[in-house]
Amino acid sequence: MPVLLNLDYRLFKFFNSFAGISKAWDFTFVALAEWVIFALVAGLALFILFKKDDKKRGALALQALASAFVGKVLVVSFIRIFFYRFRPFVAGAVTQLEPHNPLEASFPSGHATIMFAMAFSVLFGDTKWGIFYFIIALISSLARVVVGVHYPMDIFGGMLVALLSSIAVKLAWNSLKAKKNKKALLPQ
């Protein structure tokens, strides 16, 4: 475990070294870290509007939002009750570009969980859009490391929670859909 934590810290220092280089880069990293999550949520509406199969797209968008909710509100909150990790700016000297609540646990990343939950959910139904969402989620999540509010393992933990939440929501969705279809086939 110490080897993994050492690697995590070294990766954090590498990414955080990009903070404070210039005001333009700092602004870009903060925007990526804080605002992209809202663009991804808004993107779900565009995802539905600009595709032919509105029903399928609507179902994927609902699954994406449900996965984000399950991951962040249920799983991340539960993990943080039993496992508390200080934020990087609390644990040591870092270049912190974005103010953040120092009492809120760092692991797993709630932002990463939300963004990757949406990405995985969309990926399960639409490969092109899913890959696009995944890349944007990865860039935004790494920006959260650059601005000093997360360690790389926080991002990885959020990604893992997102994957499991997305799978759970997809399985539940398919089960409910199968029950509905089975009920529709029964004679009235």
C-alpha atoms as a PDB file:
ATOM      1  CA  MET A   1       0.000   0.000   0.000  1.00  0.00           C
ATOM      2  CA  PRO A   2       2.792   2.533   0.710  1.00  0.00           C
ATOM      3  CA  VAL A   3       4.087   1.992  -2.838  1.00  0.00           C
ATOM      4  CA  LEU A   4       0.657   2.834  -4.267  1.00  0.00           C
ATOM      5  CA  LEU A   5       0.301   5.931  -2.083  1.00  0.00           C
ATOM      6  CA  ASN A   6       3.808   7.053  -3.061  1.00  0.00           C
ATOM      7  CA  LEU A   7       2.949   6.643  -6.752  1.00  0.00           C
ATOM      8  CA  ASP A   8      -0.319   8.514  -6.195  1.00  0.00           C
ATOM      9  CA  TYR A   9       1.539  11.391  -4.517  1.00  0.00           C
ATOM     10  CA  ARG A  10       4.177  11.526  -7.242  1.00  0.00           C
ATOM     11  CA  LEU A  11       1.519  11.602  -9.962  1.00  0.00           C
ATOM     12  CA  PHE A  12      -0.306  14.313  -8.035  1.00  0.00           C
ATOM     13  CA  LYS A  13       2.866  16.430  -7.824  1.00  0.00           C
ATOM     14  CA  PHE A  14       3.431  15.974 -11.568  1.00  0.00           C
ATOM     15  CA  PHE A  15      -0.085  17.124 -12.524  1.00  0.00           C
ATOM     16  CA  ASN A  16      -0.162  19.886  -9.909  1.00  0.00           C
ATOM     17  CA  SER A  17       3.119  21.242 -11.298  1.00  0.00           C
ATOM     18  CA  PHE A  18       1.101  22.603 -14.245  1.00  0.00           C
ATOM     19  CA  ALA A  19      -0.773  24.943 -11.883  1.00  0.00           C
ATOM     20  CA  GLY A  20       0.540  28.462 -11.506  1.00  0.00           C
ATOM     21  CA  ILE A  21       2.426  28.545 -14.811  1.00  0.00           C
ATOM     22  CA  SER A  22       0.260  31.285 -16.314  1.00  0.00           C
ATOM     23  CA  LYS A  23      -3.058  32.972 -15.622  1.00  0.00           C
ATOM     24  CA  ALA A  24      -4.491  31.728 -18.931  1.00  0.00           C
ATOM     25  CA  TRP A  25      -3.611  28.096 -18.160  1.00  0.00           C
ATOM     26  CA  ASP A  26      -4.887  28.438 -14.600  1.00  0.00           C
ATOM     27  CA  PHE A  27      -8.186  29.815 -15.887  1.00  0.00           C
ATOM     28  CA  THR A  28      -8.429  26.918 -18.361  1.00  0.00           C
ATOM     29  CA  PHE A  29      -7.735  24.295 -15.698  1.00  0.00           C
ATOM     30  CA  VAL A  30     -10.254  25.815 -13.286  1.00  0.00           C
ATOM     31  CA  ALA A  31     -12.898  25.974 -16.022  1.00  0.00           C
ATOM     32  CA  LEU A  32     -12.232  22.339 -16.961  1.00  0.00           C
ATOM     33  CA  ALA A  33     -12.309  21.264 -13.317  1.00  0.00           C
ATOM     34  CA  GLU A  34     -15.427  23.133 -12.255  1.00  0.00           C
ATOM     35  CA  TRP A  35     -17.675  23.836 -15.243  1.00  0.00           C
ATOM     36  CA  VAL A  36     -17.355  20.910 -17.651  1.00  0.00           C
ATOM     37  CA  ILE A  37     -19.591  18.768 -15.437  1.00  0.00           C
ATOM     38  CA  PHE A  38     -22.499  21.125 -16.183  1.00  0.00           C
ATOM     39  CA  ALA A  39     -21.762  20.990 -19.913  1.00  0.00           C
ATOM     40  CA  LEU A  40     -21.901  17.188 -19.800  1.00  0.00           C
ATOM     41  CA  VAL A  41     -25.308  17.257 -18.116  1.00  0.00           C
ATOM     42  CA  ALA A  42     -26.561  19.808 -20.652  1.00  0.00           C
ATOM     43  CA  GLY A  43     -25.029  17.653 -23.378  1.00  0.00           C
ATOM     44  CA  LEU A  44     -27.462  14.889 -22.495  1.00  0.00           C
ATOM     45  CA  ALA A  45     -30.262  17.113 -23.802  1.00  0.00           C
ATOM     46  CA  LEU A  46     -28.372  17.609 -27.071  1.00  0.00           C
ATOM     47  CA  PHE A  47     -27.702  13.879 -27.163  1.00  0.00           C
ATOM     48  CA  ILE A  48     -31.461  13.305 -27.207  1.00  0.00           C
ATOM     49  CA  LEU A  49     -32.367  16.154 -29.562  1.00  0.00           C
ATOM     50  CA  PHE A  50     -29.878  15.446 -32.348  1.00  0.00           C
ATOM     51  CA  LYS A  51     -30.499  11.740 -32.793  1.00  0.00           C
ATOM     52  CA  LYS A  52     -33.253   9.914 -34.640  1.00  0.00           C
ATOM     53  CA  ASP A  53     -34.186   7.342 -31.995  1.00  0.00           C
ATOM     54  CA  ASP A  54     -35.493   9.689 -29.277  1.00  0.00           C
ATOM     55  CA  LYS A  55     -36.834   6.848 -27.116  1.00  0.00           C
ATOM     56  CA  LYS A  56     -33.508   5.037 -26.990  1.00  0.00           C
ATOM     57  CA  ARG A  57     -31.591   8.273 -26.435  1.00  0.00           C
ATOM     58  CA  GLY A  58     -34.016   9.369 -23.737  1.00  0.00           C
ATOM     59  CA  ALA A  59     -33.584   6.032 -21.964  1.00  0.00           C
ATOM     60  CA  LEU A  60     -29.793   6.370 -22.114  1.00  0.00           C
ATOM     61  CA  ALA A  61     -29.947   9.924 -20.780  1.00  0.00           C
ATOM     62  CA  LEU A  62     -32.165   8.827 -17.876  1.00  0.00           C
ATOM     63  CA  GLN A  63     -29.830   5.939 -17.136  1.00  0.00           C
ATOM     64  CA  ALA A  64     -26.878   8.342 -17.208  1.00  0.00           C
ATOM     65  CA  LEU A  65     -28.537  10.673 -14.695  1.00  0.00           C
ATOM     66  CA  ALA A  66     -29.643   7.748 -12.510  1.00  0.00           C
ATOM     67  CA  SER A  67     -26.113   6.306 -12.562  1.00  0.00           C
ATOM     68  CA  ALA A  68     -24.661   9.667 -11.578  1.00  0.00           C
ATOM     69  CA  PHE A  69     -27.168   9.940  -8.719  1.00  0.00           C
ATOM     70  CA  VAL A  70     -26.551   6.397  -7.461  1.00  0.00           C
ATOM     71  CA  GLY A  71     -22.788   6.814  -7.722  1.00  0.00           C
ATOM     72  CA  LYS A  72     -22.445  10.223  -6.105  1.00  0.00           C
ATOM     73  CA  VAL A  73     -25.301  10.408  -3.632  1.00  0.00           C
ATOM     74  CA  LEU A  74     -25.425   6.790  -2.494  1.00  0.00           C
ATOM     75  CA  VAL A  75     -22.046   5.139  -3.059  1.00  0.00           C
ATOM     76  CA  VAL A  76     -19.572   8.029  -2.688  1.00  0.00           C
ATOM     77  CA  SER A  77     -21.387   9.322   0.401  1.00  0.00           C
ATOM     78  CA  PHE A  78     -21.330   5.823   1.917  1.00  0.00           C
ATOM     79  CA  ILE A  79     -17.611   5.303   1.192  1.00  0.00           C
ATOM     80  CA  ARG A  80     -16.729   8.674   2.704  1.00  0.00           C
ATOM     81  CA  ILE A  81     -18.442   7.713   5.976  1.00  0.00           C
ATOM     82  CA  PHE A  82     -15.996   4.845   6.473  1.00  0.00           C
ATOM     83  CA  PHE A  83     -12.921   6.066   4.624  1.00  0.00           C
ATOM     84  CA  TYR A  84     -11.781   9.654   5.014  1.00  0.00           C
ATOM     85  CA  ARG A  85      -8.902  10.990   2.964  1.00  0.00           C
ATOM     86  CA  PHE A  86      -7.733  14.573   3.330  1.00  0.00           C
ATOM     87  CA  ARG A  87      -7.686  16.772   0.279  1.00  0.00           C
ATOM     88  CA  PRO A  88      -4.206  17.405  -1.165  1.00  0.00           C
ATOM     89  CA  PHE A  89      -4.199  21.056  -0.115  1.00  0.00           C
ATOM     90  CA  VAL A  90      -4.913  20.017   3.491  1.00  0.00           C
ATOM     91  CA  ALA A  91      -2.340  17.230   3.559  1.00  0.00           C
ATOM     92  CA  GLY A  92       0.597  19.241   2.218  1.00  0.00           C
ATOM     93  CA  ALA A  93       1.940  22.149   0.230  1.00  0.00           C
ATOM     94  CA  VAL A  94       0.330  22.344  -3.207  1.00  0.00           C
ATOM     95  CA  THR A  95      -0.574  24.976  -5.728  1.00  0.00           C
ATOM     96  CA  GLN A  96      -4.315  25.276  -5.153  1.00  0.00           C
ATOM     97  CA  LEU A  97      -6.171  27.149  -7.870  1.00  0.00           C
ATOM     98  CA  GLU A  98      -9.740  26.528  -6.749  1.00  0.00           C
ATOM     99  CA  PRO A  99     -11.110  27.012  -3.237  1.00  0.00           C
ATOM    100  CA  HIS A 100     -12.731  23.916  -1.825  1.00  0.00           C
ATOM    101  CA  ASN A 101     -14.208  22.771   1.475  1.00  0.00           C
ATOM    102  CA  PRO A 102     -11.225  21.374   3.416  1.00  0.00           C
ATOM    103  CA  LEU A 103     -13.489  19.196   5.571  1.00  0.00           C
ATOM    104  CA  GLU A 104     -14.977  17.289   2.621  1.00  0.00           C
ATOM    105  CA  ALA A 105     -13.252  13.962   1.967  1.00  0.00           C
ATOM    106  CA  SER A 106     -11.200  13.584  -1.175  1.00  0.00           C
ATOM    107  CA  PHE A 107     -11.769   9.900  -1.965  1.00  0.00           C
ATOM    108  CA  PRO A 108     -13.506   9.000  -4.194  1.00  0.00           C
ATOM    109  CA  SER A 109     -14.001  12.059  -6.359  1.00  0.00           C
ATOM    110  CA  GLY A 110     -17.673  13.031  -6.588  1.00  0.00           C
ATOM    111  CA  HIS A 111     -17.118  15.024  -9.781  1.00  0.00           C
ATOM    112  CA  ALA A 112     -15.330  12.110 -11.434  1.00  0.00           C
ATOM    113  CA  THR A 113     -18.075   9.744 -10.305  1.00  0.00           C
ATOM    114  CA  ILE A 114     -20.798  11.896 -11.851  1.00  0.00           C
ATOM    115  CA  MET A 115     -18.969  12.504 -15.125  1.00  0.00           C
ATOM    116  CA  PHE A 116     -17.789   8.926 -15.637  1.00  0.00           C
ATOM    117  CA  ALA A 117     -21.206   7.537 -14.661  1.00  0.00           C
ATOM    118  CA  MET A 118     -22.711   9.569 -17.467  1.00  0.00           C
ATOM    119  CA  ALA A 119     -19.911   8.489 -19.820  1.00  0.00           C
ATOM    120  CA  PHE A 120     -20.259   4.774 -19.064  1.00  0.00           C
ATOM    121  CA  SER A 121     -24.051   4.904 -19.308  1.00  0.00           C
ATOM    122  CA  VAL A 122     -23.945   6.615 -22.681  1.00  0.00           C
ATOM    123  CA  LEU A 123     -21.140   4.297 -23.831  1.00  0.00           C
ATOM    124  CA  PHE A 124     -23.333   1.253 -23.133  1.00  0.00           C
ATOM    125  CA  GLY A 125     -25.805   2.483 -25.770  1.00  0.00           C
ATOM    126  CA  ASP A 126     -23.865   4.736 -28.140  1.00  0.00           C
ATOM    127  CA  THR A 127     -20.161   4.131 -28.647  1.00  0.00           C
ATOM    128  CA  LYS A 128     -19.286   7.444 -30.364  1.00  0.00           C
ATOM    129  CA  TRP A 129     -21.023   9.670 -27.833  1.00  0.00           C
ATOM    130  CA  GLY A 130     -19.823   7.462 -24.978  1.00  0.00           C
ATOM    131  CA  ILE A 131     -16.169   7.772 -26.013  1.00  0.00           C
ATOM    132  CA  PHE A 132     -16.608  11.531 -26.376  1.00  0.00           C
ATOM    133  CA  TYR A 133     -18.122  11.738 -22.879  1.00  0.00           C
ATOM    134  CA  PHE A 134     -15.362   9.511 -21.483  1.00  0.00           C
ATOM    135  CA  ILE A 135     -12.584  11.695 -22.935  1.00  0.00           C
ATOM    136  CA  ILE A 136     -14.209  14.884 -21.636  1.00  0.00           C
ATOM    137  CA  ALA A 137     -14.708  13.283 -18.190  1.00  0.00           C
ATOM    138  CA  LEU A 138     -11.056  12.226 -18.115  1.00  0.00           C
ATOM    139  CA  ILE A 139      -9.784  15.682 -19.090  1.00  0.00           C
ATOM    140  CA  SER A 140     -12.014  17.409 -16.529  1.00  0.00           C
ATOM    141  CA  SER A 141     -11.075  14.915 -13.810  1.00  0.00           C
ATOM    142  CA  LEU A 142      -7.355  15.358 -14.431  1.00  0.00           C
ATOM    143  CA  ALA A 143      -7.886  19.118 -14.273  1.00  0.00           C
ATOM    144  CA  ARG A 144      -9.214  18.575 -10.727  1.00  0.00           C
ATOM    145  CA  VAL A 145      -5.831  17.068  -9.887  1.00  0.00           C
ATOM    146  CA  VAL A 146      -4.014  19.997 -11.514  1.00  0.00           C
ATOM    147  CA  VAL A 147      -6.008  22.576  -9.505  1.00  0.00           C
ATOM    148  CA  GLY A 148      -5.084  20.774  -6.289  1.00  0.00           C
ATOM    149  CA  VAL A 149      -8.397  19.391  -5.014  1.00  0.00           C
ATOM    150  CA  HIS A 150      -7.904  15.660  -5.791  1.00  0.00           C
ATOM    151  CA  TYR A 151      -5.273  12.960  -5.976  1.00  0.00           C
ATOM    152  CA  PRO A 152      -5.159  10.706  -9.057  1.00  0.00           C
ATOM    153  CA  MET A 153      -6.411   7.748  -6.968  1.00  0.00           C
ATOM    154  CA  ASP A 154      -9.486   9.828  -6.049  1.00  0.00           C
ATOM    155  CA  ILE A 155     -10.228  10.067  -9.762  1.00  0.00           C
ATOM    156  CA  PHE A 156      -9.622   6.362 -10.297  1.00  0.00           C
ATOM    157  CA  GLY A 157     -11.889   5.567  -7.324  1.00  0.00           C
ATOM    158  CA  GLY A 158     -14.605   7.799  -8.779  1.00  0.00           C
ATOM    159  CA  MET A 159     -14.226   6.095 -12.143  1.00  0.00           C
ATOM    160  CA  LEU A 160     -14.611   2.662 -10.530  1.00  0.00           C
ATOM    161  CA  VAL A 161     -17.688   3.748  -8.555  1.00  0.00           C
ATOM    162  CA  ALA A 162     -19.115   5.192 -11.782  1.00  0.00           C
ATOM    163  CA  LEU A 163     -18.565   1.967 -13.698  1.00  0.00           C
ATOM    164  CA  LEU A 164     -20.223  -0.157 -11.004  1.00  0.00           C
ATOM    165  CA  SER A 165     -23.108   2.300 -10.601  1.00  0.00           C
ATOM    166  CA  SER A 166     -23.666   2.408 -14.351  1.00  0.00           C
ATOM    167  CA  ILE A 167     -23.708  -1.380 -14.576  1.00  0.00           C
ATOM    168  CA  ALA A 168     -26.136  -1.620 -11.633  1.00  0.00           C
ATOM    169  CA  VAL A 169     -28.491   0.963 -13.163  1.00  0.00           C
ATOM    170  CA  LYS A 170     -28.293  -0.716 -16.591  1.00  0.00           C
ATOM    171  CA  LEU A 171     -29.131  -4.123 -15.066  1.00  0.00           C
ATOM    172  CA  ALA A 172     -32.004  -2.669 -13.038  1.00  0.00           C
ATOM    173  CA  TRP A 173     -33.303  -0.815 -16.108  1.00  0.00           C
ATOM    174  CA  ASN A 174     -33.178  -3.952 -18.251  1.00  0.00           C
ATOM    175  CA  SER A 175     -34.896  -5.972 -15.520  1.00  0.00           C
ATOM    176  CA  LEU A 176     -37.736  -3.441 -15.208  1.00  0.00           C
ATOM    177  CA  LYS A 177     -38.062  -3.282 -18.976  1.00  0.00           C
ATOM    178  CA  ALA A 178     -38.245  -7.096 -19.212  1.00  0.00           C
ATOM    179  CA  LYS A 179     -40.937  -7.216 -16.507  1.00  0.00           C
ATOM    180  CA  LYS A 180     -42.915  -4.518 -18.314  1.00  0.00           C
ATOM    181  CA  ASN A 181     -42.643  -6.379 -21.618  1.00  0.00           C
ATOM    182  CA  LYS A 182     -43.611  -9.666 -19.978  1.00  0.00           C
ATOM    183  CA  LYS A 183     -46.638  -8.025 -18.363  1.00  0.00           C
ATOM    184  CA  ALA A 184     -47.666  -6.524 -21.720  1.00  0.00           C
ATOM    185  CA  LEU A 185     -47.646 -10.000 -23.289  1.00  0.00           C
ATOM    186  CA  LEU A 186     -49.998 -11.466 -20.712  1.00  0.00           C
ATOM    187  CA  PRO A 187     -53.666 -11.745 -21.790  1.00  0.00           C
ATOM    188  CA  GLN A 188     -55.854  -9.033 -20.387  1.00  0.00           C
END
